[in-house]
Amino acid sequence: MTPNHVKITCLNVLRWHWSLGITERVKREFVAKAKTCLCNTVSDWKDKWEIYGYGGKPTELTTDVWDGLIAYWKLPSSIIKVNSCSASRRTKDKDGHLPMVQRTGQKPHAGVRLEGLEKTGVLPSLSELFKMTHATSDRVFVDPASEKPFHAVAARIEEWETQL
């Protein structure tokens, strides 16, 4: 949502640090890094606004931008969307469990799987993908609710393989 003139200004400031032949690559990397760095920034701003009111304005924002964000947050459509997403995060399954915690943020699982392909040269299996998205790098699951079905499916796969 960052305006193009802001992106261009940032890139122009940085342009002195690389050769002209890689400008497009730098642009792609810059946008990807900016998305990662700014992922929760606006959410954090909104939290400050809800706690401190107008006085929670971050110093890096102009009054016009802050007023625009507040106007957006007050829109009925924005409130409906926030409430819907919040309700989805709190929905329990038939056993009373909340949704499984996963550690890839907003990145789709297909993207995680492709990253695995880039790193190892082999497309990760679905069970490896589940571990990549629900366990830490040392294979500890971040949520017991995700560990239980993983082990159940792994046991069934092992049983099928022994039958074959």
Protein backbone atom coordinates (compact mmCIF):
# COMPACT_ATOMS: atom_id res chain seq x y z
CA MET A 1 0.00 0.00 0.00
CA THR A 2 3.06 2.27 0.04
CA PRO A 3 2.67 4.94 -2.67
CA ASN A 4 4.94 4.48 -5.71
CA HIS A 5 6.62 7.86 -5.24
CA VAL A 6 7.82 6.74 -1.78
CA LYS A 7 9.17 3.44 -3.16
CA ILE A 8 10.92 5.27 -6.01
CA THR A 9 12.46 7.78 -3.60
CA CYS A 10 13.82 4.98 -1.40
CA LEU A 11 15.25 3.16 -4.41
CA ASN A 12 16.83 6.37 -5.74
CA VAL A 13 18.53 6.96 -2.40
CA LEU A 14 19.95 3.43 -2.51
CA ARG A 15 20.80 3.45 -6.23
CA TRP A 16 24.37 4.68 -5.64
CA HIS A 17 25.24 1.37 -4.00
CA TRP A 18 24.87 -1.06 -6.91
CA SER A 19 25.62 -1.39 -10.60
CA LEU A 20 22.91 -0.33 -13.06
CA GLY A 21 22.69 -3.85 -14.51
CA ILE A 22 20.99 -5.25 -11.42
CA THR A 23 18.41 -2.50 -10.79
CA GLU A 24 15.37 -4.73 -11.42
CA ARG A 25 16.74 -7.43 -9.12
CA VAL A 26 17.37 -4.87 -6.39
CA LYS A 27 13.82 -3.52 -6.82
CA ARG A 28 12.35 -7.01 -6.35
CA GLU A 29 14.51 -7.71 -3.31
CA PHE A 30 13.73 -4.26 -1.85
CA VAL A 31 9.96 -4.76 -2.18
CA ALA A 32 10.16 -8.27 -0.68
CA LYS A 33 12.23 -7.01 2.27
CA ALA A 34 9.94 -4.01 2.81
CA LYS A 35 6.88 -6.29 2.89
CA THR A 36 8.54 -8.44 5.54
CA CYS A 37 9.70 -5.51 7.65
CA LEU A 38 6.40 -3.64 7.47
CA CYS A 39 4.12 -6.66 7.93
CA ASN A 40 2.92 -5.79 11.43
CA THR A 41 3.75 -2.09 11.48
CA VAL A 42 0.28 -0.81 10.63
CA SER A 43 -1.26 -3.28 13.05
CA ASP A 44 1.04 -1.95 15.78
CA TRP A 45 -0.01 1.61 14.91
CA LYS A 46 -3.66 0.64 15.22
CA ASP A 47 -3.02 -0.93 18.62
CA LYS A 48 -1.42 2.32 19.81
CA TRP A 49 -4.38 4.30 18.46
CA GLU A 50 -6.81 2.04 20.32
CA ILE A 51 -4.85 2.45 23.57
CA TYR A 52 -3.73 6.09 23.42
CA GLY A 53 -6.21 7.60 20.98
CA TYR A 54 -4.95 10.34 18.68
CA GLY A 55 -1.90 10.78 20.94
CA GLY A 56 -0.60 7.37 19.84
CA LYS A 57 0.46 8.77 16.45
CA PRO A 58 3.91 7.51 15.48
CA THR A 59 6.41 10.31 14.92
CA GLU A 60 7.26 9.01 11.43
CA LEU A 61 3.71 9.62 10.16
CA THR A 62 2.32 12.91 8.96
CA THR A 63 -0.97 14.11 10.42
CA ASP A 64 -2.68 13.56 7.06
CA VAL A 65 -1.58 9.92 6.89
CA TRP A 66 -2.56 9.32 10.53
CA ASP A 67 -5.98 10.89 9.95
CA GLY A 68 -6.42 8.71 6.85
CA LEU A 69 -5.57 5.53 8.76
CA ILE A 70 -7.98 6.40 11.56
CA ALA A 71 -10.72 7.13 9.03
CA TYR A 72 -10.06 3.73 7.41
CA TRP A 73 -10.08 1.90 10.75
CA LYS A 74 -13.45 3.51 11.59
CA LEU A 75 -15.13 2.44 8.33
CA PRO A 76 -17.94 -0.08 8.91
CA SER A 77 -16.45 -2.35 6.21
CA SER A 78 -13.06 -2.35 8.00
CA ILE A 79 -14.68 -3.12 11.35
CA ILE A 80 -16.68 -6.00 9.81
CA LYS A 81 -13.51 -7.45 8.23
CA VAL A 82 -11.52 -7.20 11.47
CA ASN A 83 -14.32 -8.86 13.45
CA SER A 84 -14.64 -11.64 10.87
CA CYS A 85 -10.89 -12.38 10.90
CA SER A 86 -10.79 -12.26 14.68
CA ALA A 87 -13.72 -14.68 14.93
CA SER A 88 -11.97 -17.06 12.51
CA ARG A 89 -8.85 -17.07 14.67
CA ARG A 90 -10.96 -17.95 17.74
CA THR A 91 -13.09 -20.68 16.11
CA LYS A 92 -12.73 -24.03 17.86
CA ASP A 93 -13.02 -27.41 16.18
CA LYS A 94 -15.31 -30.24 17.28
CA ASP A 95 -12.82 -31.22 20.01
CA GLY A 96 -12.64 -27.68 21.38
CA HIS A 97 -9.21 -26.83 19.93
CA LEU A 98 -8.34 -23.46 18.48
CA PRO A 99 -6.82 -23.38 14.96
CA MET A 100 -3.34 -24.85 14.78
CA VAL A 101 -0.52 -22.41 15.21
CA GLN A 102 1.82 -22.26 12.24
CA ARG A 103 5.01 -20.28 11.84
CA THR A 104 5.00 -18.99 8.27
CA GLY A 105 2.91 -15.86 8.78
CA GLN A 106 1.02 -14.79 5.68
CA LYS A 107 3.15 -16.83 3.31
CA PRO A 108 1.12 -19.49 1.49
CA HIS A 109 2.15 -23.10 1.98
CA ALA A 110 2.86 -23.40 -1.75
CA GLY A 111 5.47 -20.65 -1.34
CA VAL A 112 7.04 -22.45 1.61
CA ARG A 113 7.19 -25.65 -0.42
CA LEU A 114 8.87 -23.85 -3.34
CA GLU A 115 11.41 -22.32 -0.95
CA GLY A 116 12.18 -25.86 0.22
CA LEU A 117 12.72 -26.85 -3.42
CA GLU A 118 15.12 -23.91 -3.92
CA LYS A 119 17.12 -24.82 -0.80
CA THR A 120 17.43 -28.57 -1.33
CA GLY A 121 16.70 -29.08 -5.03
CA VAL A 122 13.89 -31.50 -4.09
CA LEU A 123 10.23 -30.62 -3.58
CA PRO A 124 9.39 -31.35 0.09
CA SER A 125 6.77 -34.01 0.75
CA LEU A 126 3.52 -32.97 2.39
CA SER A 127 4.67 -34.33 5.75
CA GLU A 128 7.94 -32.36 5.44
CA LEU A 129 5.90 -29.27 4.52
CA PHE A 130 3.75 -29.77 7.63
CA LYS A 131 6.91 -29.93 9.76
CA MET A 132 8.30 -26.82 8.04
CA THR A 133 5.13 -24.85 8.79
CA HIS A 134 4.24 -26.18 12.26
CA ALA A 135 7.58 -27.00 13.91
CA THR A 136 10.71 -25.06 14.76
CA SER A 137 14.01 -25.68 12.99
CA ASP A 138 14.91 -28.24 15.68
CA ARG A 139 11.66 -30.16 14.89
CA VAL A 140 9.73 -29.11 18.02
CA PHE A 141 6.06 -28.51 17.22
CA VAL A 142 4.85 -25.02 18.15
CA ASP A 143 1.40 -26.33 19.09
CA PRO A 144 0.40 -29.70 20.58
CA ALA A 145 -2.75 -29.61 18.43
CA SER A 146 -0.59 -29.87 15.30
CA GLU A 147 1.70 -32.57 16.67
CA LYS A 148 -1.11 -35.06 17.34
CA PRO A 149 -2.49 -35.30 13.76
CA PHE A 150 1.03 -35.29 12.33
CA HIS A 151 2.01 -38.38 14.31
CA ALA A 152 -1.33 -40.05 13.53
CA VAL A 153 -0.85 -39.55 9.78
CA ALA A 154 2.83 -40.57 9.96
CA ALA A 155 1.81 -43.82 11.70
CA ARG A 156 -0.77 -44.55 8.99
CA ILE A 157 1.76 -43.91 6.23
CA GLU A 158 4.27 -46.20 7.93
CA GLU A 159 1.58 -48.88 8.23
CA TRP A 160 0.73 -48.59 4.53
CA GLU A 161 4.40 -48.77 3.57
CA THR A 162 4.92 -51.96 5.59
CA GLN A 163 1.85 -53.51 3.96
CA LEU A 164 3.27 -52.75 0.53
